[in-house]
């Protein structure tokens, strides 16, 4: 009986080993941080200072901070990371039937300034949130890769991946139309409040876009680095925060299923070829595929222009969050951003 009790106690302690921040983050103890205290850590800090324009960065291991750099509190624009956040919001409404991923944009009444072609009307919500709609209408908010778009009407919806802000902005419109809610209110309700975000401010969130080009506005978001890390920690823990299942485990898995392989992505949009990371694509999350380092196995990212990033490394129970404040006229080239996401995980000594 005593041995059974000890076994059950051990299981309980193991399950409770994952730490979550309350209103403030906890720093790892010296022993907990040992795998991160090495020459690579020092070299990484020097790289951030000498070679990047990043304004805030955190590495979180098993729920505790093991590395930080710059301003972690300041709210700033997170660019395309907004899309991954929207994907998180979709979950409960897909699962309760409010949003039907099989509905077509024709059924949803989606039209636009330059019209929607008959072949494009067949695109489904699932195609939209996978960046596979086949709709190449101009985007009213820059940031997509439409320079690589095939001719309009030349591909069947669902058959071709293209990173287009038209898809992502329409995904936001569909979310609000079908749920009768506001995206920013849902960020607050579903994420900011349950995760006890320290810096979230609903009043600074607002939509943008040129409605003379496309009627569908973008939904930019402003987060602090340390609150971005909370989103990553939630994803790392399969949607669970402490004892609450904030996002269902099943929806986290759905978001991270491969909808586009790295082979197709690199063929359609060759900008990441030779970058050191083979990206596939899920539901508005970038998936690390065909990796050559065990620390990168199963990793995935929310990525934004100029240097905004949340990367989750399940193999080493780690989250990276970094930002580059656009208002300071600071920006990092794409390769620098990728280098940072690789170098951060490479600090971790798997032998410790």
Protein backbone atom coordinates (compact mmCIF):
# COMPACT_ATOMS: atom_id res chain seq x y z
CA UNK A 1 0.00 0.00 0.00
CA UNK A 2 2.82 2.37 0.87
CA UNK A 3 4.54 1.73 -2.49
CA UNK A 4 1.28 2.45 -4.34
CA UNK A 5 0.89 5.72 -2.44
CA UNK A 6 4.45 6.75 -3.30
CA UNK A 7 3.84 5.89 -6.98
CA UNK A 8 0.63 7.97 -7.07
CA UNK A 9 2.39 10.84 -5.32
CA UNK A 10 5.18 10.71 -7.91
CA UNK A 11 2.66 10.82 -10.76
CA UNK A 12 0.91 13.80 -9.19
CA UNK A 13 4.18 15.67 -8.79
CA UNK A 14 5.17 14.85 -12.38
CA UNK A 15 1.89 16.19 -13.73
CA UNK A 16 2.33 19.32 -11.65
CA UNK A 17 5.89 19.95 -12.82
CA UNK A 18 4.69 22.35 -15.52
CA UNK A 19 4.68 25.88 -14.12
CA UNK A 20 2.34 28.65 -15.23
CA UNK A 21 2.74 32.34 -14.47
CA UNK A 22 0.10 34.12 -12.45
CA UNK A 23 0.18 37.90 -12.90
CA UNK A 24 3.96 37.75 -13.15
CA UNK A 25 6.37 35.29 -14.73
CA UNK A 26 8.61 33.10 -12.58
CA UNK A 27 12.33 32.87 -13.31
CA UNK A 28 13.93 29.46 -13.39
CA UNK A 29 16.18 28.54 -10.48
CA UNK A 30 19.89 28.11 -11.17
CA UNK A 31 19.43 24.34 -11.29
CA UNK A 32 16.42 24.57 -13.62
CA UNK A 33 18.27 26.97 -15.92
CA UNK A 34 21.46 24.91 -16.07
CA UNK A 35 20.83 23.55 -19.62
CA UNK A 36 20.59 27.18 -20.79
CA UNK A 37 23.68 28.54 -19.02
CA UNK A 38 26.51 28.06 -21.49
CA UNK A 39 28.64 29.79 -24.09
CA UNK A 40 25.83 29.63 -26.66
CA UNK A 41 23.63 31.70 -24.36
CA UNK A 42 26.27 34.42 -24.14
CA UNK A 43 26.85 34.28 -27.89
CA UNK A 44 23.11 34.55 -28.49
CA UNK A 45 22.83 37.70 -26.41
CA UNK A 46 25.74 39.21 -28.34
CA UNK A 47 24.05 38.24 -31.61
CA UNK A 48 20.84 39.98 -30.55
CA UNK A 49 22.75 43.15 -29.75
CA UNK A 50 25.13 43.19 -32.71
CA UNK A 51 23.10 41.64 -35.52
CA UNK A 52 19.40 42.24 -34.86
CA UNK A 53 17.02 45.09 -34.14
CA UNK A 54 14.81 43.05 -31.81
CA UNK A 55 13.31 45.13 -29.00
CA UNK A 56 12.13 42.35 -26.66
CA UNK A 57 12.71 38.59 -26.36
CA UNK A 58 11.91 35.80 -23.88
CA UNK A 59 12.73 32.12 -23.71
CA UNK A 60 10.49 30.08 -21.42
CA UNK A 61 11.37 26.49 -20.46
CA UNK A 62 8.82 24.35 -18.62
CA UNK A 63 6.88 27.50 -17.84
CA UNK A 64 9.75 29.50 -16.34
CA UNK A 65 11.87 32.26 -17.83
CA UNK A 66 15.42 31.14 -18.66
CA UNK A 67 16.46 34.06 -20.90
CA UNK A 68 15.20 37.58 -21.50
CA UNK A 69 16.34 40.57 -23.49
CA UNK A 70 15.07 44.11 -23.98
CA UNK A 71 11.66 45.52 -23.11
CA UNK A 72 9.17 42.73 -22.33
CA UNK A 73 6.30 44.97 -21.23
CA UNK A 74 5.79 47.44 -24.04
CA UNK A 75 2.76 46.94 -26.27
CA UNK A 76 3.49 46.98 -29.98
CA UNK A 77 2.19 45.77 -33.31
CA UNK A 78 2.71 42.03 -33.84
CA UNK A 79 2.00 41.99 -37.60
CA UNK A 80 0.99 38.58 -38.97
CA UNK A 81 1.12 36.86 -35.58
CA UNK A 82 -2.50 38.10 -35.49
CA UNK A 83 -3.45 35.29 -37.87
CA UNK A 84 -2.27 32.54 -35.54
CA UNK A 85 -4.18 34.21 -32.69
CA UNK A 86 -7.33 34.24 -34.83
CA UNK A 87 -6.85 30.53 -35.50
CA UNK A 88 -6.89 29.95 -31.74
CA UNK A 89 -10.18 31.86 -31.46
CA UNK A 90 -11.86 29.78 -34.15
CA UNK A 91 -11.71 26.55 -32.16
CA UNK A 92 -14.69 26.70 -29.81
CA UNK A 93 -16.95 28.07 -32.54
CA UNK A 94 -15.99 25.33 -34.99
CA UNK A 95 -16.52 22.69 -32.33
CA UNK A 96 -19.96 23.97 -31.28
CA UNK A 97 -21.11 24.27 -34.90
CA UNK A 98 -21.33 28.07 -35.03
CA UNK A 99 -18.65 28.16 -37.75
CA UNK A 100 -18.95 25.52 -40.48
CA UNK A 101 -15.58 25.05 -42.15
CA UNK A 102 -17.25 23.43 -45.18
CA UNK A 103 -19.34 26.49 -46.05
CA UNK A 104 -18.36 28.23 -49.26
CA UNK A 105 -17.74 31.93 -49.58
CA UNK A 106 -20.73 32.07 -51.91
CA UNK A 107 -22.94 30.65 -49.16
CA UNK A 108 -21.45 33.20 -46.77
CA UNK A 109 -22.23 36.10 -49.09
CA UNK A 110 -18.59 37.08 -49.64
CA UNK A 111 -18.20 39.65 -52.43
CA UNK A 112 -15.54 42.29 -53.03
CA UNK A 113 -14.58 45.42 -54.94
CA UNK A 114 -13.40 43.62 -58.09
CA UNK A 115 -15.94 40.83 -57.78
CA UNK A 116 -15.52 37.12 -57.05
CA UNK A 117 -15.18 34.70 -59.97
CA UNK A 118 -17.51 31.67 -60.18
CA UNK A 119 -14.63 29.24 -59.60
CA UNK A 120 -13.52 31.28 -56.56
CA UNK A 121 -16.99 31.16 -55.02
CA UNK A 122 -16.39 27.46 -54.26
CA UNK A 123 -13.66 28.25 -51.73
CA UNK A 124 -14.58 27.05 -48.23
CA UNK A 125 -13.80 28.47 -44.81
CA UNK A 126 -11.32 25.61 -44.40
CA UNK A 127 -9.57 26.72 -47.60
CA UNK A 128 -9.47 30.30 -46.35
CA UNK A 129 -7.84 29.50 -42.98
CA UNK A 130 -5.37 27.16 -44.71
CA UNK A 131 -4.30 29.89 -47.20
CA UNK A 132 -5.58 27.65 -50.00
CA UNK A 133 -8.64 29.57 -51.18
CA UNK A 134 -7.53 30.11 -54.77
CA UNK A 135 -9.02 33.62 -54.56
CA UNK A 136 -6.48 36.15 -55.77
CA UNK A 137 -8.45 39.33 -55.35
CA UNK A 138 -6.21 42.28 -54.40
CA UNK A 139 -5.63 42.67 -50.67
CA UNK A 140 -6.57 45.93 -48.98
CA UNK A 141 -3.86 45.56 -46.34
CA UNK A 142 -0.31 44.75 -47.50
CA UNK A 143 1.76 41.86 -46.20
CA UNK A 144 0.85 38.89 -48.36
CA UNK A 145 2.83 37.25 -51.12
CA UNK A 146 0.50 37.93 -54.02
CA UNK A 147 3.42 38.55 -56.35
CA UNK A 148 3.56 34.74 -56.53
CA UNK A 149 -0.17 34.32 -57.24
CA UNK A 150 -1.30 32.38 -60.30
CA UNK A 151 -3.70 34.09 -62.69
CA UNK A 152 -7.12 34.65 -61.16
CA UNK A 153 -9.51 31.81 -61.90
CA UNK A 154 -6.73 29.40 -62.92
CA UNK A 155 -6.73 27.10 -59.85
CA UNK A 156 -9.39 25.16 -58.00
CA UNK A 157 -9.98 26.27 -54.41
CA UNK A 158 -8.08 24.03 -52.00
CA UNK A 159 -5.50 22.96 -54.58
CA UNK A 160 -2.82 25.66 -54.24
CA UNK A 161 -1.16 27.36 -51.25
CA UNK A 162 -0.53 31.11 -51.34
CA UNK A 163 0.11 33.41 -48.41
CA UNK A 164 -2.44 36.15 -49.09
CA UNK A 165 -3.83 38.77 -46.77
CA UNK A 166 -7.09 38.58 -48.69
CA UNK A 167 -7.61 35.10 -47.22
CA UNK A 168 -6.60 36.14 -43.73
CA UNK A 169 -8.70 39.29 -43.65
CA UNK A 170 -11.72 37.41 -44.95
CA UNK A 171 -11.08 34.81 -42.23
CA UNK A 172 -11.51 37.61 -39.70
CA UNK A 173 -14.69 38.85 -41.36
CA UNK A 174 -16.18 35.36 -41.45
CA UNK A 175 -15.34 34.86 -37.78
CA UNK A 176 -17.22 37.99 -36.78
CA UNK A 177 -20.14 37.42 -39.15
CA UNK A 178 -20.76 33.85 -38.06
CA UNK A 179 -20.22 34.33 -34.32
CA UNK A 180 -21.75 37.79 -33.94
CA UNK A 181 -18.73 38.82 -31.89
CA UNK A 182 -15.76 41.15 -32.24
CA UNK A 183 -12.29 39.64 -32.70
CA UNK A 184 -10.69 41.87 -30.07
CA UNK A 185 -13.44 41.16 -27.55
CA UNK A 186 -12.87 37.46 -28.16
CA UNK A 187 -9.10 37.80 -27.65
CA UNK A 188 -9.91 39.37 -24.31
CA UNK A 189 -12.53 36.78 -23.33
CA UNK A 190 -10.88 33.62 -24.64
CA UNK A 191 -7.20 34.44 -24.09
CA UNK A 192 -6.22 37.63 -22.26
CA UNK A 193 -8.42 37.07 -19.21
CA UNK A 194 -7.92 33.31 -18.70
CA UNK A 195 -4.15 33.65 -19.21
CA UNK A 196 -3.90 36.63 -16.82
CA UNK A 197 -2.10 38.73 -19.42
CA UNK A 198 -0.13 41.51 -17.80
CA UNK A 199 -0.27 44.13 -20.51
CA UNK A 200 -3.28 43.48 -22.76
CA UNK A 201 -5.16 46.70 -23.55
CA UNK A 202 -8.42 46.37 -25.47
CA UNK A 203 -8.56 50.11 -26.13
CA UNK A 204 -5.53 50.17 -28.44
CA UNK A 205 -6.76 47.41 -30.76
CA UNK A 206 -8.27 48.58 -34.04
CA UNK A 207 -8.80 47.44 -37.61
CA UNK A 208 -7.06 48.85 -40.67
CA UNK A 209 -7.18 48.58 -44.43
CA UNK A 210 -7.96 50.30 -47.73
CA UNK A 211 -11.61 49.56 -48.48
CA UNK A 212 -11.32 51.00 -51.98
CA UNK A 213 -9.17 47.94 -52.81
CA UNK A 214 -10.89 45.31 -50.68
CA UNK A 215 -13.85 45.66 -48.32
CA UNK A 216 -12.30 43.25 -45.80
CA UNK A 217 -10.27 44.98 -43.11
CA UNK A 218 -7.25 43.57 -41.34
CA UNK A 219 -7.36 43.12 -37.55
CA UNK A 220 -3.88 44.19 -36.35
CA UNK A 221 -3.06 43.32 -32.75
CA UNK A 222 -0.84 44.88 -30.12
CA UNK A 223 0.76 42.64 -27.47
CA UNK A 224 3.72 42.75 -25.13
CA UNK A 225 6.51 40.20 -25.51
CA UNK A 226 5.69 38.57 -22.19
CA UNK A 227 2.01 38.20 -23.13
CA UNK A 228 2.98 36.67 -26.47
CA UNK A 229 4.94 34.10 -24.45
CA UNK A 230 1.72 33.24 -22.59
CA UNK A 231 0.07 32.40 -25.91
CA UNK A 232 3.00 30.14 -26.75
CA UNK A 233 2.86 28.43 -23.36
CA UNK A 234 -0.85 27.79 -23.83
CA UNK A 235 -0.13 26.14 -27.19
CA UNK A 236 2.75 24.11 -25.75
CA UNK A 237 0.35 22.72 -23.15
CA UNK A 238 -2.23 21.72 -25.78
CA UNK A 239 -4.60 24.55 -24.91
CA UNK A 240 -4.56 23.95 -21.15
CA UNK A 241 -3.75 26.70 -18.63
CA UNK A 242 -3.32 25.41 -15.12
CA UNK A 243 -6.52 23.39 -14.54
CA UNK A 244 -8.56 25.00 -17.33
CA UNK A 245 -8.82 23.75 -20.91
CA UNK A 246 -8.88 27.17 -22.59
CA UNK A 247 -8.67 25.74 -26.12
CA UNK A 248 -9.52 22.11 -26.71
CA UNK A 249 -6.65 19.68 -27.19
CA UNK A 250 -8.35 18.53 -30.39
CA UNK A 251 -8.42 22.04 -31.88
CA UNK A 252 -4.74 22.58 -31.11
CA UNK A 253 -4.05 19.38 -33.06
CA UNK A 254 -6.26 20.59 -35.92
CA UNK A 255 -4.41 23.91 -36.12
CA UNK A 256 -1.09 22.11 -36.34
CA UNK A 257 -2.01 19.45 -38.90
CA UNK A 258 -0.14 19.79 -42.16
CA UNK A 259 -2.40 21.48 -44.71
CA UNK A 260 0.54 22.39 -46.93
CA UNK A 261 3.86 20.52 -47.03
CA UNK A 262 7.19 22.32 -47.06
CA UNK A 263 7.80 20.96 -50.55
CA UNK A 264 4.67 22.63 -51.94
CA UNK A 265 5.20 25.81 -49.96
CA UNK A 266 8.76 26.22 -51.25
CA UNK A 267 7.64 25.50 -54.79
CA UNK A 268 4.81 28.04 -54.70
CA UNK A 269 6.65 30.74 -52.74
CA UNK A 270 10.43 30.17 -52.90
CA UNK A 271 11.44 32.87 -50.40
CA UNK A 272 12.26 30.32 -47.66
CA UNK A 273 14.38 28.00 -49.79
CA UNK A 274 17.83 27.62 -48.24
CA UNK A 275 16.79 29.57 -45.13
CA UNK A 276 17.60 26.75 -42.73
CA UNK A 277 13.96 25.98 -41.86
CA UNK A 278 11.52 23.99 -43.98
CA UNK A 279 8.13 25.53 -43.29
CA UNK A 280 4.85 23.75 -43.86
CA UNK A 281 1.52 25.36 -43.05
CA UNK A 282 -1.49 24.45 -40.90
CA UNK A 283 -4.44 26.63 -39.91
CA UNK A 284 -2.54 29.95 -39.91
CA UNK A 285 0.49 28.47 -38.10
CA UNK A 286 3.91 27.81 -39.69
CA UNK A 287 5.11 24.23 -39.13
CA UNK A 288 8.79 23.24 -38.93
CA UNK A 289 9.24 20.15 -41.11
CA UNK A 290 12.07 17.86 -42.16
CA UNK A 291 14.23 19.19 -39.32
CA UNK A 292 17.88 18.22 -38.78
CA UNK A 293 18.00 18.91 -35.03
CA UNK A 294 16.01 17.00 -32.40
CA UNK A 295 15.33 20.25 -30.58
CA UNK A 296 13.26 21.43 -33.56
CA UNK A 297 11.07 18.31 -33.84
CA UNK A 298 7.39 19.29 -33.90
CA UNK A 299 8.15 23.01 -33.66
CA UNK A 300 5.76 25.62 -35.02
CA UNK A 301 5.60 29.40 -35.23
CA UNK A 302 3.44 32.49 -35.46
CA UNK A 303 5.48 34.91 -37.58
CA UNK A 304 5.15 38.59 -38.37
CA UNK A 305 6.91 41.17 -40.51
CA UNK A 306 9.92 43.11 -39.22
CA UNK A 307 10.57 40.59 -36.45
CA UNK A 308 7.54 39.39 -34.50
CA UNK A 309 7.50 35.74 -33.46
CA UNK A 310 6.11 33.06 -31.17
CA UNK A 311 7.81 29.71 -31.63
CA UNK A 312 6.96 26.59 -29.67
CA UNK A 313 9.48 23.72 -29.39
CA UNK A 314 7.58 20.76 -27.89
CA UNK A 315 10.63 18.47 -27.96
CA UNK A 316 12.36 20.64 -25.35
CA UNK A 317 9.23 22.08 -23.66
CA UNK A 318 10.23 25.59 -24.66
CA UNK A 319 8.60 28.77 -25.93
CA UNK A 320 10.30 31.68 -27.67
CA UNK A 321 8.65 35.08 -28.06
CA UNK A 322 10.23 38.13 -29.62
CA UNK A 323 9.17 41.47 -31.03
CA UNK A 324 10.57 44.35 -33.00
CA UNK A 325 8.72 47.60 -32.42
CA UNK A 326 7.80 49.07 -35.80
CA UNK A 327 7.16 52.50 -34.32
CA UNK A 328 10.91 52.76 -33.68
CA UNK A 329 11.50 52.21 -37.41
CA UNK A 330 13.25 48.97 -36.57
CA UNK A 331 13.01 45.87 -38.76
CA UNK A 332 14.84 42.57 -39.19
CA UNK A 333 15.35 40.80 -42.49
CA UNK A 334 13.56 37.45 -42.87
CA UNK A 335 16.79 35.46 -42.53
CA UNK A 336 17.67 37.23 -39.27
CA UNK A 337 14.29 36.28 -37.82
CA UNK A 338 14.79 32.65 -38.81
CA UNK A 339 18.32 32.66 -37.38
CA UNK A 340 17.01 33.95 -34.05
CA UNK A 341 14.38 31.20 -33.85
CA UNK A 342 17.03 28.56 -34.51
CA UNK A 343 19.76 29.97 -32.28
CA UNK A 344 17.37 30.32 -29.33
CA UNK A 345 16.62 26.59 -29.24
CA UNK A 346 20.22 25.63 -29.99
CA UNK A 347 21.26 27.13 -26.64
CA UNK A 348 19.53 24.23 -24.87
CA UNK A 349 21.99 21.50 -23.87
CA UNK A 350 20.18 18.20 -24.27
CA UNK A 351 22.87 16.40 -22.26
CA UNK A 352 22.12 18.35 -19.04
